[in-house]
Each structure stands twice: as C-alpha cells, then as structure tokens.
Amino acid sequence: MKFLAKIFVTCFYIGKFPIASGTLGSGFAIMIWYYLNQLGNLVLVSFFISYFIFAYIFTNIYLKNSIDDDPSEVISDEVIGQLIPLFIINSVNDHYLILVAFISFRIFDISKIYPANKAEELAGAHGVIMDDVVAGIYALFVVFIFKYFLTL
C-alpha cells in the first residue's frame, strides 16, 4: 500500500523532479482536464471527487513514512487545486483561460493568501490538500472574472 500511495501522491514520480515539481503537477492536471473535459462534465466531476478521496487517503499513508509535514514531492494536491479553476472552462480551445487558470493558481498556491496559510497549518492530509483547494478557489474567481467580464 505504501508503494501505491507513493505512485499516486507523486503522480507517477513527476513530483520527484528536482525543480518546480508543483508547477509540473499543475501541468499534469491540465493534461488530465484536457482529456476528461472532452468526455463531459459528469466524467470530469466524478474523476475529481474520486481523485480527491484517494488523494486524501494516500497522502495520509505517505505522510506516516515522511519526516516532512508537506513533502514537495507530493503533488496530488496541486492536481486537485489546479482542476478547480478549470471547471468553468468549457472548451479545450480557450487557451487564454487555461493560461489564466494555470498562472493564477500557481500565484495563489505559492503566496498562501489567507485562509490558505491557515489551512496549510492543519495536520496530515488536511494541511497538504486544503491550502491548494483554497488557492484553486481563488484562481476560480480570477478565471470567472476573465471569462465573464474581461472577454471581448
């Protein structure tokens, strides 16, 4: 089970890349969204819920064998956070919105604006995942503004 947890939380070892593993995790999420979006919203939402549950379980298992509270190689939380702003993008051809979602999520994830900074202090998988959920929600608002108010 430890091995499966390691594969899952590192997204097939992408998280082990020495530089910008979180950014790579966000890119991985966009690739997942790209393919699942074409299958319909029900598939995308079902995947997200399942992925969230498994990420929570496997992150707790992984953390039991880690000395770090939020190891940088754990990027399944980035996948969760990055998928949130992508939910309101209807087409894989909305490249500027995908870029806005990517950049805004990375900014919010790195800056840890309140309450993300408080969520990060939670124990176990709560702290690892919930700060990215907050960053994803912030990025969702940014994408919403770009999509509905700043388009020509």
Foldseek 3Di string as FASTA:
>chain_A
DLVVLLCLQLVNVCLVPPPPSLLVLLVVLLVVCQVQLVVDDVSLVVVLVVLVVSNQVSQQSNVVPDPDQADSSRRSLSSNLLVLLVSPPNDPPPVVLNVLSSVQLVVQLVVLPPPLVVQLPDGTSSNNRVSSNVSSVVSNVVSVCCVPPVDD
